[in-house]
Each structure stands twice: as structure tokens, then as C-alpha cells.
Amino acid sequence: EFQSWAKAQATYTQDVLQSLPGRDKLLKRIAELDNAGVQISS
């Protein structure tokens, strides 16, 4: 019962997000900026 409810919540969330105009374009641009540079540590 819990697993069925959780999957329904995920499906509802994705339906809402995917209906937003320009979301895929925005997400692609964020990914480009997020991976724009080389990270050095240690």
C-alpha cells in the first residue's frame, strides 16, 4: 500500500513538472553551467 502511494506521488510530481513550459530547456542550461569547469581538490 505504501509503495503504491509513493509511486502515485512520484507520477503526480512528474506530470506537474513536465507540464511547465521551458523546463527542459532550463534544465539543459543548468546542466551546462554546472559542468562548465574542472574541479580540483586535495
Full PDB file with SEQRES, HELIX, SHEET, SSBOND, CRYST1, ORIGX, SCALE, CONECT and MASTER records, all heavy atoms in Angstrom:
SEQRES   1 A   42  GLU PHE GLN SER TRP ALA LYS ALA GLN ALA THR TYR THR          
SEQRES   2 A   42  GLN ASP VAL LEU GLN SER LEU PRO GLY ARG ASP LYS LEU          
SEQRES   3 A   42  LEU LYS ARG ILE ALA GLU LEU ASP ASN ALA GLY VAL GLN          
SEQRES   4 A   42  ILE SER SER                                                  
HELIX    1 AA1 PHE A    2  GLN A   18  1                                  17    
HELIX    2 AA2 ARG A   23  ASP A   34  1                                  12    
CRYST1    1.000    1.000    1.000  90.00  90.00  90.00 P 1           1          
ORIGX1      1.000000  0.000000  0.000000        0.00000                         
ORIGX2      0.000000  1.000000  0.000000        0.00000                         
ORIGX3      0.000000  0.000000  1.000000        0.00000                         
SCALE1      1.000000  0.000000  0.000000        0.00000                         
SCALE2      0.000000  1.000000  0.000000        0.00000                         
SCALE3      0.000000  0.000000  1.000000        0.00000                         
ATOM      1  N   GLU A   1       0.834  -1.201   0.000  1.00  0.00           N  
ATOM      2  CA  GLU A   1       0.000   0.000   0.000  1.00  0.00           C  
ATOM      3  C   GLU A   1       0.868   1.250   0.000  1.00  0.00           C  
ATOM      4  O   GLU A   1       0.602   2.222  -0.720  1.00  0.00           O  
ATOM      5  CB  GLU A   1      -0.938   0.000   1.210  1.00  0.00           C  
ATOM      6  CG  GLU A   1      -1.873   1.213   1.226  1.00  0.00           C  
ATOM      7  CD  GLU A   1      -2.757   1.267   2.461  1.00  0.00           C  
ATOM      8  OE1 GLU A   1      -2.494   0.487   3.402  1.00  0.00           O  
ATOM      9  OE2 GLU A   1      -3.692   2.086   2.481  1.00  0.00           O  
ATOM     10  N   PHE A   2       1.932   1.239   0.814  1.00  0.00           N  
ATOM     11  CA  PHE A   2       2.830   2.403   0.858  1.00  0.00           C  
ATOM     12  C   PHE A   2       3.547   2.570  -0.477  1.00  0.00           C  
ATOM     13  O   PHE A   2       3.683   3.687  -1.000  1.00  0.00           O  
ATOM     14  CB  PHE A   2       3.854   2.252   1.981  1.00  0.00           C  
ATOM     15  CG  PHE A   2       4.934   3.294   1.927  1.00  0.00           C  
ATOM     16  CD1 PHE A   2       4.690   4.589   2.362  1.00  0.00           C  
ATOM     17  CD2 PHE A   2       6.183   3.006   1.383  1.00  0.00           C  
ATOM     18  CE1 PHE A   2       5.674   5.565   2.297  1.00  0.00           C  
ATOM     19  CE2 PHE A   2       7.172   3.973   1.308  1.00  0.00           C  
ATOM     20  CZ  PHE A   2       6.909   5.254   1.766  1.00  0.00           C  
ATOM     21  N   GLN A   3       4.044   1.485  -1.047  1.00  0.00           N  
ATOM     22  CA  GLN A   3       4.767   1.562  -2.311  1.00  0.00           C  
ATOM     23  C   GLN A   3       3.865   2.094  -3.428  1.00  0.00           C  
ATOM     24  O   GLN A   3       4.305   2.893  -4.266  1.00  0.00           O  
ATOM     25  CB  GLN A   3       5.325   0.187  -2.665  1.00  0.00           C  
ATOM     26  CG  GLN A   3       6.422  -0.281  -1.726  1.00  0.00           C  
ATOM     27  CD  GLN A   3       6.977  -1.636  -2.100  1.00  0.00           C  
ATOM     28  OE1 GLN A   3       6.439  -2.327  -2.972  1.00  0.00           O  
ATOM     29  NE2 GLN A   3       8.064  -2.031  -1.443  1.00  0.00           N  
ATOM     30  N   SER A   4       2.612   1.677  -3.435  1.00  0.00           N  
ATOM     31  CA  SER A   4       1.668   2.159  -4.438  1.00  0.00           C  
ATOM     32  C   SER A   4       1.425   3.651  -4.269  1.00  0.00           C  
ATOM     33  O   SER A   4       1.391   4.405  -5.256  1.00  0.00           O  
ATOM     34  CB  SER A   4       0.355   1.384  -4.315  1.00  0.00           C  
ATOM     35  OG  SER A   4      -0.613   1.898  -5.211  1.00  0.00           O  
ATOM     36  N   TRP A   5       1.283   4.101  -3.015  1.00  0.00           N  
ATOM     37  CA  TRP A   5       1.075   5.530  -2.750  1.00  0.00           C  
ATOM     38  C   TRP A   5       2.298   6.353  -3.168  1.00  0.00           C  
ATOM     39  O   TRP A   5       2.171   7.415  -3.779  1.00  0.00           O  
ATOM     40  CB  TRP A   5       0.769   5.728  -1.267  1.00  0.00           C  
ATOM     41  CG  TRP A   5       0.673   7.172  -0.871  1.00  0.00           C  
ATOM     42  CD1 TRP A   5      -0.401   7.985  -0.976  1.00  0.00           C  
ATOM     43  CD2 TRP A   5       1.734   7.976  -0.338  1.00  0.00           C  
ATOM     44  NE1 TRP A   5      -0.096   9.250  -0.533  1.00  0.00           N  
ATOM     45  CE2 TRP A   5       1.213   9.272  -0.135  1.00  0.00           C  
ATOM     46  CE3 TRP A   5       3.056   7.723   0.001  1.00  0.00           C  
ATOM     47  CZ2 TRP A   5       1.976  10.305   0.389  1.00  0.00           C  
ATOM     48  CZ3 TRP A   5       3.820   8.753   0.515  1.00  0.00           C  
ATOM     49  CH2 TRP A   5       3.275  10.032   0.702  1.00  0.00           C  
ATOM     50  N   ALA A   6       3.501   5.856  -2.854  1.00  0.00           N  
ATOM     51  CA  ALA A   6       4.726   6.588  -3.185  1.00  0.00           C  
ATOM     52  C   ALA A   6       4.894   6.720  -4.696  1.00  0.00           C  
ATOM     53  O   ALA A   6       5.285   7.775  -5.210  1.00  0.00           O  
ATOM     54  CB  ALA A   6       5.938   5.897  -2.570  1.00  0.00           C  
ATOM     55  N   LYS A   7       4.588   5.645  -5.431  1.00  0.00           N  
ATOM     56  CA  LYS A   7       4.701   5.702  -6.891  1.00  0.00           C  
ATOM     57  C   LYS A   7       3.684   6.685  -7.477  1.00  0.00           C  
ATOM     58  O   LYS A   7       3.983   7.404  -8.432  1.00  0.00           O  
ATOM     59  CB  LYS A   7       4.491   4.310  -7.470  1.00  0.00           C  
ATOM     60  CG  LYS A   7       5.647   3.348  -7.177  1.00  0.00           C  
ATOM     61  CD  LYS A   7       5.372   1.961  -7.727  1.00  0.00           C  
ATOM     62  CE  LYS A   7       6.530   1.014  -7.407  1.00  0.00           C  
ATOM     63  NZ  LYS A   7       6.255  -0.368  -7.889  1.00  0.00           N  
ATOM     64  N   ALA A   8       2.496   6.707  -6.895  1.00  0.00           N  
ATOM     65  CA  ALA A   8       1.485   7.655  -7.366  1.00  0.00           C  
ATOM     66  C   ALA A   8       1.916   9.091  -7.117  1.00  0.00           C  
ATOM     67  O   ALA A   8       1.688   9.985  -7.938  1.00  0.00           O  
ATOM     68  CB  ALA A   8       0.145   7.363  -6.683  1.00  0.00           C  
ATOM     69  N   GLN A   9       2.573   9.343  -5.972  1.00  0.00           N  
ATOM     70  CA  GLN A   9       3.100  10.675  -5.670  1.00  0.00           C  
ATOM     71  C   GLN A   9       4.156  11.072  -6.700  1.00  0.00           C  
ATOM     72  O   GLN A   9       4.176  12.210  -7.183  1.00  0.00           O  
ATOM     73  CB  GLN A   9       3.716  10.689  -4.263  1.00  0.00           C  
ATOM     74  CG  GLN A   9       2.712  10.762  -3.141  1.00  0.00           C  
ATOM     75  CD  GLN A   9       2.165  12.174  -2.954  1.00  0.00           C  
ATOM     76  OE1 GLN A   9       2.613  13.120  -3.584  1.00  0.00           O  
ATOM     77  NE2 GLN A   9       1.169  12.301  -2.087  1.00  0.00           N  
ATOM     78  N   ALA A  10       5.051  10.134  -7.026  1.00  0.00           N  
ATOM     79  CA  ALA A  10       6.112  10.425  -7.995  1.00  0.00           C  
ATOM     80  C   ALA A  10       5.520  10.720  -9.371  1.00  0.00           C  
ATOM     81  O   ALA A  10       5.955  11.648 -10.069  1.00  0.00           O  
ATOM     82  CB  ALA A  10       7.085   9.259  -8.067  1.00  0.00           C  
ATOM     83  N   THR A  11       4.521   9.942  -9.764  1.00  0.00           N  
ATOM     84  CA  THR A  11       3.876  10.157 -11.064  1.00  0.00           C  
ATOM     85  C   THR A  11       3.197  11.524 -11.119  1.00  0.00           C  
ATOM     86  O   THR A  11       3.321  12.260 -12.106  1.00  0.00           O  
ATOM     87  CB  THR A  11       2.842   9.061 -11.326  1.00  0.00           C  
ATOM     88  OG1 THR A  11       3.503   7.789 -11.343  1.00  0.00           O  
ATOM     89  CG2 THR A  11       2.135   9.287 -12.663  1.00  0.00           C  
ATOM     90  N   TYR A  12       2.506  11.882 -10.053  1.00  0.00           N  
ATOM     91  CA  TYR A  12       1.853  13.187  -9.990  1.00  0.00           C  
ATOM     92  C   TYR A  12       2.872  14.318 -10.090  1.00  0.00           C  
ATOM     93  O   TYR A  12       2.676  15.292 -10.833  1.00  0.00           O  
ATOM     94  CB  TYR A  12       1.063  13.296  -8.680  1.00  0.00           C  
ATOM     95  CG  TYR A  12       0.598  14.695  -8.369  1.00  0.00           C  
ATOM     96  CD1 TYR A  12      -0.461  15.269  -9.056  1.00  0.00           C  
ATOM     97  CD2 TYR A  12       1.251  15.459  -7.396  1.00  0.00           C  
ATOM     98  CE1 TYR A  12      -0.886  16.562  -8.781  1.00  0.00           C  
ATOM     99  CE2 TYR A  12       0.840  16.748  -7.115  1.00  0.00           C  
ATOM    100  CZ  TYR A  12      -0.222  17.296  -7.811  1.00  0.00           C  
ATOM    101  OH  TYR A  12      -0.628  18.572  -7.542  1.00  0.00           O  
ATOM    102  N   THR A  13       3.971  14.184  -9.351  1.00  0.00           N  
ATOM    103  CA  THR A  13       5.012  15.228  -9.363  1.00  0.00           C  
ATOM    104  C   THR A  13       5.589  15.401 -10.766  1.00  0.00           C  
ATOM    105  O   THR A  13       5.759  16.531 -11.251  1.00  0.00           O  
ATOM    106  CB  THR A  13       6.129  14.874  -8.371  1.00  0.00           C  
ATOM    107  OG1 THR A  13       5.578  14.758  -7.062  1.00  0.00           O  
ATOM    108  CG2 THR A  13       7.213  15.945  -8.361  1.00  0.00           C  
ATOM    109  N   GLN A  14       5.915  14.287 -11.425  1.00  0.00           N  
ATOM    110  CA  GLN A  14       6.481  14.370 -12.770  1.00  0.00           C  
ATOM    111  C   GLN A  14       5.508  14.997 -13.760  1.00  0.00           C  
ATOM    112  O   GLN A  14       5.895  15.776 -14.619  1.00  0.00           O  
ATOM    113  CB  GLN A  14       6.882  12.968 -13.243  1.00  0.00           C  
ATOM    114  CG  GLN A  14       8.126  12.420 -12.580  1.00  0.00           C  
ATOM    115  CD  GLN A  14       9.338  13.304 -12.803  1.00  0.00           C  
ATOM    116  OE1 GLN A  14       9.582  13.786 -13.907  1.00  0.00           O  
ATOM    117  NE2 GLN A  14      10.090  13.549 -11.739  1.00  0.00           N  
ATOM    118  N   ASP A  15       4.226  14.674 -13.614  1.00  0.00           N  
ATOM    119  CA  ASP A  15       3.222  15.265 -14.508  1.00  0.00           C  
ATOM    120  C   ASP A  15       3.175  16.782 -14.356  1.00  0.00           C  
ATOM    121  O   ASP A  15       3.083  17.519 -15.345  1.00  0.00           O  
ATOM    122  CB  ASP A  15       1.845  14.664 -14.211  1.00  0.00           C  
ATOM    123  CG  ASP A  15       1.731  13.218 -14.679  1.00  0.00           C  
ATOM    124  OD1 ASP A  15       2.582  12.792 -15.478  1.00  0.00           O  
ATOM    125  OD2 ASP A  15       0.791  12.525 -14.228  1.00  0.00           O  
ATOM    126  N   VAL A  16       3.239  17.250 -13.124  1.00  0.00           N  
ATOM    127  CA  VAL A  16       3.208  18.695 -12.874  1.00  0.00           C  
ATOM    128  C   VAL A  16       4.456  19.363 -13.444  1.00  0.00           C  
ATOM    129  O   VAL A  16       4.381  20.388 -14.144  1.00  0.00           O  
ATOM    130  CB  VAL A  16       3.068  18.986 -11.371  1.00  0.00           C  
ATOM    131  CG1 VAL A  16       3.233  20.481 -11.095  1.00  0.00           C  
ATOM    132  CG2 VAL A  16       1.730  18.496 -10.850  1.00  0.00           C  
ATOM    133  N   LEU A  17       5.640  18.795 -13.170  1.00  0.00           N  
ATOM    134  CA  LEU A  17       6.883  19.409 -13.620  1.00  0.00           C  
ATOM    135  C   LEU A  17       7.008  19.401 -15.141  1.00  0.00           C  
ATOM    136  O   LEU A  17       7.448  20.377 -15.751  1.00  0.00           O  
ATOM    137  CB  LEU A  17       8.077  18.681 -12.990  1.00  0.00           C  
ATOM    138  CG  LEU A  17       8.221  18.812 -11.466  1.00  0.00           C  
ATOM    139  CD1 LEU A  17       9.407  17.984 -10.966  1.00  0.00           C  
ATOM    140  CD2 LEU A  17       8.395  20.264 -11.055  1.00  0.00           C  
ATOM    141  N   GLN A  18       6.638  18.301 -15.752  1.00  0.00           N  
ATOM    142  CA  GLN A  18       6.784  18.198 -17.208  1.00  0.00           C  
ATOM    143  C   GLN A  18       5.817  19.105 -17.961  1.00  0.00           C  
ATOM    144  O   GLN A  18       6.016  19.385 -19.150  1.00  0.00           O  
ATOM    145  CB  GLN A  18       6.579  16.745 -17.632  1.00  0.00           C  
ATOM    146  CG  GLN A  18       7.739  15.847 -17.206  1.00  0.00           C  
ATOM    147  CD  GLN A  18       7.496  14.378 -17.510  1.00  0.00           C  
ATOM    148  OE1 GLN A  18       6.477  14.031 -18.119  1.00  0.00           O  
ATOM    149  NE2 GLN A  18       8.412  13.533 -17.079  1.00  0.00           N  
ATOM    150  N   SER A  19       4.770  19.573 -17.290  1.00  0.00           N  
ATOM    151  CA  SER A  19       3.820  20.472 -17.950  1.00  0.00           C  
ATOM    152  C   SER A  19       4.297  21.913 -17.959  1.00  0.00           C  
ATOM    153  O   SER A  19       3.704  22.770 -18.620  1.00  0.00           O  
ATOM    154  CB  SER A  19       2.456  20.386 -17.247  1.00  0.00           C  
ATOM    155  OG  SER A  19       2.554  20.900 -15.929  1.00  0.00           O  
ATOM    156  N   LEU A  20       5.385  22.221 -17.249  1.00  0.00           N  
ATOM    157  CA  LEU A  20       5.893  23.591 -17.204  1.00  0.00           C  
ATOM    158  C   LEU A  20       6.604  23.931 -18.511  1.00  0.00           C  
ATOM    159  O   LEU A  20       7.559  23.252 -18.898  1.00  0.00           O  
ATOM    160  CB  LEU A  20       6.858  23.767 -16.031  1.00  0.00           C  
ATOM    161  CG  LEU A  20       6.294  23.494 -14.634  1.00  0.00           C  
ATOM    162  CD1 LEU A  20       7.385  23.635 -13.590  1.00  0.00           C  
ATOM    163  CD2 LEU A  20       5.149  24.445 -14.320  1.00  0.00           C  
ATOM    164  N   PRO A  21       6.190  24.990 -19.209  1.00  0.00           N  
ATOM    165  CA  PRO A  21       6.831  25.350 -20.482  1.00  0.00           C  
ATOM    166  C   PRO A  21       8.265  25.826 -20.253  1.00  0.00           C  
ATOM    167  O   PRO A  21       8.547  26.557 -19.297  1.00  0.00           O  
ATOM    168  CB  PRO A  21       5.946  26.475 -21.021  1.00  0.00           C  
ATOM    169  CG  PRO A  21       5.281  27.055 -19.807  1.00  0.00           C  
ATOM    170  CD  PRO A  21       5.075  25.914 -18.864  1.00  0.00           C  
ATOM    171  N   GLY A  22       9.184  25.367 -21.091  1.00  0.00           N  
ATOM    172  CA  GLY A  22      10.574  25.808 -20.998  1.00  0.00           C  
ATOM    173  C   GLY A  22      11.392  25.059 -19.968  1.00  0.00           C  
ATOM    174  O   GLY A  22      12.591  25.324 -19.816  1.00  0.00           O  
ATOM    175  N   ARG A  23      10.779  24.103 -19.266  1.00  0.00           N  
ATOM    176  CA  ARG A  23      11.511  23.416 -18.196  1.00  0.00           C  
ATOM    177  C   ARG A  23      12.695  22.616 -18.745  1.00  0.00           C  
ATOM    178  O   ARG A  23      13.792  22.666 -18.180  1.00  0.00           O  
ATOM    179  CB  ARG A  23      10.566  22.492 -17.430  1.00  0.00           C  
ATOM    180  CG  ARG A  23      11.263  21.697 -16.321  1.00  0.00           C  
ATOM    181  CD  ARG A  23      10.282  20.839 -15.535  1.00  0.00           C  
ATOM    182  NE  ARG A  23      10.955  20.123 -14.476  1.00  0.00           N  
ATOM    183  CZ  ARG A  23      11.503  18.922 -14.609  1.00  0.00           C  
ATOM    184  NH1 ARG A  23      11.452  18.308 -15.790  1.00  0.00           N  
ATOM    185  NH2 ARG A  23      12.108  18.329 -13.598  1.00  0.00           N  
ATOM    186  N   ASP A  24      12.505  21.868 -19.824  1.00  0.00           N  
ATOM    187  CA  ASP A  24      13.584  21.058 -20.385  1.00  0.00           C  
ATOM    188  C   ASP A  24      14.745  21.927 -20.855  1.00  0.00           C  
ATOM    189  O   ASP A  24      15.920  21.583 -20.671  1.00  0.00           O  
ATOM    190  CB  ASP A  24      13.064  20.206 -21.549  1.00  0.00           C  
ATOM    191  CG  ASP A  24      12.129  19.105 -21.077  1.00  0.00           C  
ATOM    192  OD1 ASP A  24      12.166  18.789 -19.870  1.00  0.00           O  
ATOM    193  OD2 ASP A  24      11.369  18.575 -21.901  1.00  0.00           O  
ATOM    194  N   LYS A  25      14.433  23.068 -21.435  1.00  0.00           N  
ATOM    195  CA  LYS A  25      15.471  23.974 -21.904  1.00  0.00           C  
ATOM    196  C   LYS A  25      16.253  24.551 -20.723  1.00  0.00           C  
ATOM    197  O   LYS A  25      17.487  24.660 -20.753  1.00  0.00           O  
ATOM    198  CB  LYS A  25      14.844  25.101 -22.721  1.00  0.00           C  
ATOM    199  CG  LYS A  25      15.851  26.071 -23.322  1.00  0.00           C  
ATOM    200  CD  LYS A  25      15.150  27.130 -24.160  1.00  0.00           C  
ATOM    201  CE  LYS A  25      16.166  28.103 -24.752  1.00  0.00           C  
ATOM    202  NZ  LYS A  25      15.486  29.157 -25.562  1.00  0.00           N  
ATOM    203  N   LEU A  26      15.511  24.917 -19.681  1.00  0.00           N  
ATOM    204  CA  LEU A  26      16.150  25.461 -18.484  1.00  0.00           C  
ATOM    205  C   LEU A  26      17.033  24.403 -17.821  1.00  0.00           C  
ATOM    206  O   LEU A  26      18.162  24.687 -17.400  1.00  0.00           O  
ATOM    207  CB  LEU A  26      15.094  25.958 -17.495  1.00  0.00           C  
ATOM    208  CG  LEU A  26      15.598  26.490 -16.157  1.00  0.00           C  
ATOM    209  CD1 LEU A  26      16.497  27.701 -16.364  1.00  0.00           C  
ATOM    210  CD2 LEU A  26      14.426  26.846 -15.246  1.00  0.00           C  
ATOM    211  N   LEU A  27      16.538  23.182 -17.725  1.00  0.00           N  
ATOM    212  CA  LEU A  27      17.292  22.103 -17.096  1.00  0.00           C  
ATOM    213  C   LEU A  27      18.575  21.817 -17.866  1.00  0.00           C  
ATOM    214  O   LEU A  27      19.644  21.591 -17.272  1.00  0.00           O  
ATOM    215  CB  LEU A  27      16.432  20.838 -17.025  1.00  0.00           C  
ATOM    216  CG  LEU A  27      17.032  19.645 -16.278  1.00  0.00           C  
ATOM    217  CD1 LEU A  27      17.306  19.996 -14.832  1.00  0.00           C  
ATOM    218  CD2 LEU A  27      16.102  18.445 -16.370  1.00  0.00           C  
ATOM    219  N   LYS A  28      18.498  21.857 -19.176  1.00  0.00           N  
ATOM    220  CA  LYS A  28      19.678  21.638 -20.010  1.00  0.00           C  
ATOM    221  C   LYS A  28      20.715  22.726 -19.778  1.00  0.00           C  
ATOM    222  O   LYS A  28      21.913  22.452 -19.675  1.00  0.00           O  
ATOM    223  CB  LYS A  28      19.274  21.598 -21.476  1.00  0.00           C  
ATOM    224  CG  LYS A  28      20.443  21.352 -22.421  1.00  0.00           C  
ATOM    225  CD  LYS A  28      19.986  21.345 -23.879  1.00  0.00           C  
ATOM    226  CE  LYS A  28      21.180  21.153 -24.808  1.00  0.00           C  
ATOM    227  NZ  LYS A  28      20.759  21.167 -26.246  1.00  0.00           N  
ATOM    228  N   ARG A  29      20.248  23.986 -19.663  1.00  0.00           N  
ATOM    229  CA  ARG A  29      21.188  25.091 -19.457  1.00  0.00           C  
ATOM    230  C   ARG A  29      21.840  25.009 -18.087  1.00  0.00           C  
ATOM    231  O   ARG A  29      23.044  25.277 -17.938  1.00  0.00           O  
ATOM    232  CB  ARG A  29      20.440  26.425 -19.610  1.00  0.00           C  
ATOM    233  CG  ARG A  29      21.322  27.661 -19.432  1.00  0.00           C  
ATOM    234  CD  ARG A  29      22.486  27.659 -20.407  1.00  0.00           C  
ATOM    235  NE  ARG A  29      23.287  28.867 -20.294  1.00  0.00           N  
ATOM    236  CZ  ARG A  29      24.575  28.938 -20.613  1.00  0.00           C  
ATOM    237  NH1 ARG A  29      25.205  27.864 -21.074  1.00  0.00           N  
ATOM    238  NH2 ARG A  29      25.231  30.068 -20.495  1.00  0.00           N  
ATOM    239  N   ILE A  30      21.063  24.631 -17.075  1.00  0.00           N  
ATOM    240  CA  ILE A  30      21.628  24.473 -15.733  1.00  0.00           C  
ATOM    241  C   ILE A  30      22.713  23.397 -15.727  1.00  0.00           C  
ATOM    242  O   ILE A  30      23.777  23.557 -15.119  1.00  0.00           O  
ATOM    243  CB  ILE A  30      20.519  24.131 -14.717  1.00  0.00           C  
ATOM    244  CG1 ILE A  30      19.605  25.347 -14.515  1.00  0.00           C  
ATOM    245  CG2 ILE A  30      21.111  23.688 -13.381  1.00  0.00           C  
ATOM    246  CD1 ILE A  30      18.399  25.064 -13.640  1.00  0.00           C  
ATOM    247  N   ALA A  31      22.443  22.284 -16.431  1.00  0.00           N  
ATOM    248  CA  ALA A  31      23.431  21.208 -16.513  1.00  0.00           C  
ATOM    249  C   ALA A  31      24.704  21.676 -17.208  1.00  0.00           C  
ATOM    250  O   ALA A  31      25.816  21.322 -16.808  1.00  0.00           O  
ATOM    251  CB  ALA A  31      22.838  20.012 -17.249  1.00  0.00           C  
ATOM    252  N   GLU A  32      24.557  22.509 -18.243  1.00  0.00           N  
ATOM    253  CA  GLU A  32      25.726  23.041 -18.946  1.00  0.00           C  
ATOM    254  C   GLU A  32      26.580  23.896 -18.021  1.00  0.00           C  
ATOM    255  O   GLU A  32      27.805  23.796 -18.007  1.00  0.00           O  
ATOM    256  CB  GLU A  32      25.276  23.860 -20.156  1.00  0.00           C  
ATOM    257  CG  GLU A  32      24.680  23.031 -21.282  1.00  0.00           C  
ATOM    258  CD  GLU A  32      24.114  23.907 -22.388  1.00  0.00           C  
ATOM    259  OE1 GLU A  32      24.041  25.145 -22.185  1.00  0.00           O  
ATOM    260  OE2 GLU A  32      23.746  23.364 -23.440  1.00  0.00           O  
ATOM    261  N   LEU A  33      25.930  24.765 -17.258  1.00  0.00           N  
ATOM    262  CA  LEU A  33      26.663  25.648 -16.350  1.00  0.00           C  
ATOM    263  C   LEU A  33      27.274  24.875 -15.191  1.00  0.00           C  
ATOM    264  O   LEU A  33      28.370  25.165 -14.725  1.00  0.00           O  
ATOM    265  CB  LEU A  33      25.731  26.747 -15.828  1.00  0.00           C  
ATOM    266  CG  LEU A  33      25.200  27.727 -16.869  1.00  0.00           C  
ATOM    267  CD1 LEU A  33      24.175  28.661 -16.247  1.00  0.00           C  
ATOM    268  CD2 LEU A  33      26.339  28.525 -17.478  1.00  0.00           C  
ATOM    269  N   ASP A  34      26.539  23.883 -14.704  1.00  0.00           N  
ATOM    270  CA  ASP A  34      27.001  23.100 -13.563  1.00  0.00           C  
ATOM    271  C   ASP A  34      28.243  22.291 -13.913  1.00  0.00           C  
ATOM    272  O   ASP A  34      29.068  21.992 -13.051  1.00  0.00           O  
ATOM    273  CB  ASP A  34      25.881  22.161 -13.101  1.00  0.00           C  
ATOM    274  CG  ASP A  34      26.175  21.558 -11.746  1.00  0.00           C  
ATOM    275  OD1 ASP A  34      26.635  22.295 -10.860  1.00  0.00           O  
ATOM    276  OD2 ASP A  34      25.954  20.343 -11.574  1.00  0.00           O  
ATOM    277  N   ASN A  35      28.388  21.937 -15.187  1.00  0.00           N  
ATOM    278  CA  ASN A  35      29.542  21.148 -15.637  1.00  0.00           C  
ATOM    279  C   ASN A  35      30.503  21.981 -16.481  1.00  0.00           C  
ATOM    280  O   ASN A  35      31.201  21.443 -17.340  1.00  0.00           O  
ATOM    281  CB  ASN A  35      29.059  19.940 -16.455  1.00  0.00           C  
ATOM    282  CG  ASN A  35      28.378  18.913 -15.584  1.00  0.00           C  
ATOM    283  OD1 ASN A  35      29.016  18.290 -14.748  1.00  0.00           O  
ATOM    284  ND2 ASN A  35      27.084  18.735 -15.766  1.00  0.00           N  
ATOM    285  N   ALA A  36      30.539  23.285 -16.215  1.00  0.00           N  
ATOM    286  CA  ALA A  36      31.331  24.164 -17.071  1.00  0.00           C  
ATOM    287  C   ALA A  36      32.815  24.133 -16.757  1.00  0.00           C  
ATOM    288  O   ALA A  36      33.636  24.437 -17.607  1.00  0.00           O  
ATOM    289  CB  ALA A  36      30.815  25.603 -16.953  1.00  0.00           C  
ATOM    290  N   GLY A  37      33.186  23.777 -15.542  1.00  0.00           N  
ATOM    291  CA  GLY A  37      34.582  23.898 -15.152  1.00  0.00           C  
ATOM    292  C   GLY A  37      35.167  22.611 -14.602  1.00  0.00           C  
ATOM    293  O   GLY A  37      34.454  21.700 -14.197  1.00  0.00           O  
ATOM    294  N   VAL A  38      36.499  22.557 -14.582  1.00  0.00           N  
ATOM    295  CA  VAL A  38      37.236  21.444 -13.992  1.00  0.00           C  
ATOM    296  C   VAL A  38      37.401  21.715 -12.496  1.00  0.00           C  
ATOM    297  O   VAL A  38      37.792  22.816 -12.094  1.00  0.00           O  
ATOM    298  CB  VAL A  38      38.620  21.292 -14.656  1.00  0.00           C  
ATOM    299  CG1 VAL A  38      39.434  20.209 -13.975  1.00  0.00           C  
ATOM    300  CG2 VAL A  38      38.457  20.993 -16.140  1.00  0.00           C  
ATOM    301  N   GLN A  39      37.102  20.722 -11.675  1.00  0.00           N  
ATOM    302  CA  GLN A  39      37.198  20.881 -10.230  1.00  0.00           C  
ATOM    303  C   GLN A  39      38.449  20.173  -9.703  1.00  0.00           C  
ATOM    304  O   GLN A  39      38.680  19.005 -10.011  1.00  0.00           O  
ATOM    305  CB  GLN A  39      35.952  20.300  -9.541  1.00  0.00           C  
ATOM    306  CG  GLN A  39      34.642  20.950  -9.970  1.00  0.00           C  
ATOM    307  CD  GLN A  39      34.577  22.418  -9.587  1.00  0.00           C  
ATOM    308  OE1 GLN A  39      35.027  22.821  -8.523  1.00  0.00           O  
ATOM    309  NE2 GLN A  39      33.996  23.215 -10.469  1.00  0.00           N  
ATOM    310  N   ILE A  40      39.256  20.890  -8.896  1.00  0.00           N  
ATOM    311  CA  ILE A  40      40.481  20.352  -8.311  1.00  0.00           C  
ATOM    312  C   ILE A  40      40.330  20.340  -6.786  1.00  0.00           C  
ATOM    313  O   ILE A  40      39.845  21.311  -6.196  1.00  0.00           O  
ATOM    314  CB  ILE A  40      41.709  21.197  -8.696  1.00  0.00           C  
ATOM    315  CG1 ILE A  40      41.891  21.225 -10.212  1.00  0.00           C  
ATOM    316  CG2 ILE A  40      42.970  20.663  -8.008  1.00  0.00           C  
ATOM    317  CD1 ILE A  40      42.257  19.904 -10.828  1.00  0.00           C  
ATOM    318  N   SER A  41      40.758  19.252  -6.148  1.00  0.00           N  
ATOM    319  CA  SER A  41      40.701  19.175  -4.687  1.00  0.00           C  
ATOM    320  C   SER A  41      41.856  18.326  -4.162  1.00  0.00           C  
ATOM    321  O   SER A  41      42.555  17.661  -4.938  1.00  0.00           O  
ATOM    322  CB  SER A  41      39.360  18.591  -4.227  1.00  0.00           C  
ATOM    323  OG  SER A  41      39.182  17.282  -4.741  1.00  0.00           O  
ATOM    324  N   SER A  42      42.050  18.366  -2.829  1.00  0.00           N  
ATOM    325  CA  SER A  42      43.085  17.561  -2.143  1.00  0.00           C  
ATOM    326  C   SER A  42      44.480  17.816  -2.713  1.00  0.00           C  
ATOM    327  O   SER A  42      45.292  16.892  -2.839  1.00  0.00           O  
ATOM    328  CB  SER A  42      42.754  16.070  -2.217  1.00  0.00           C  
ATOM    329  OG  SER A  42      41.502  15.801  -1.646  1.00  0.00           O  
TER     330      SER A  42                                                      
MASTER        0    0    0    2    0    0    0    6  329    1    0    4          
END                                                                             
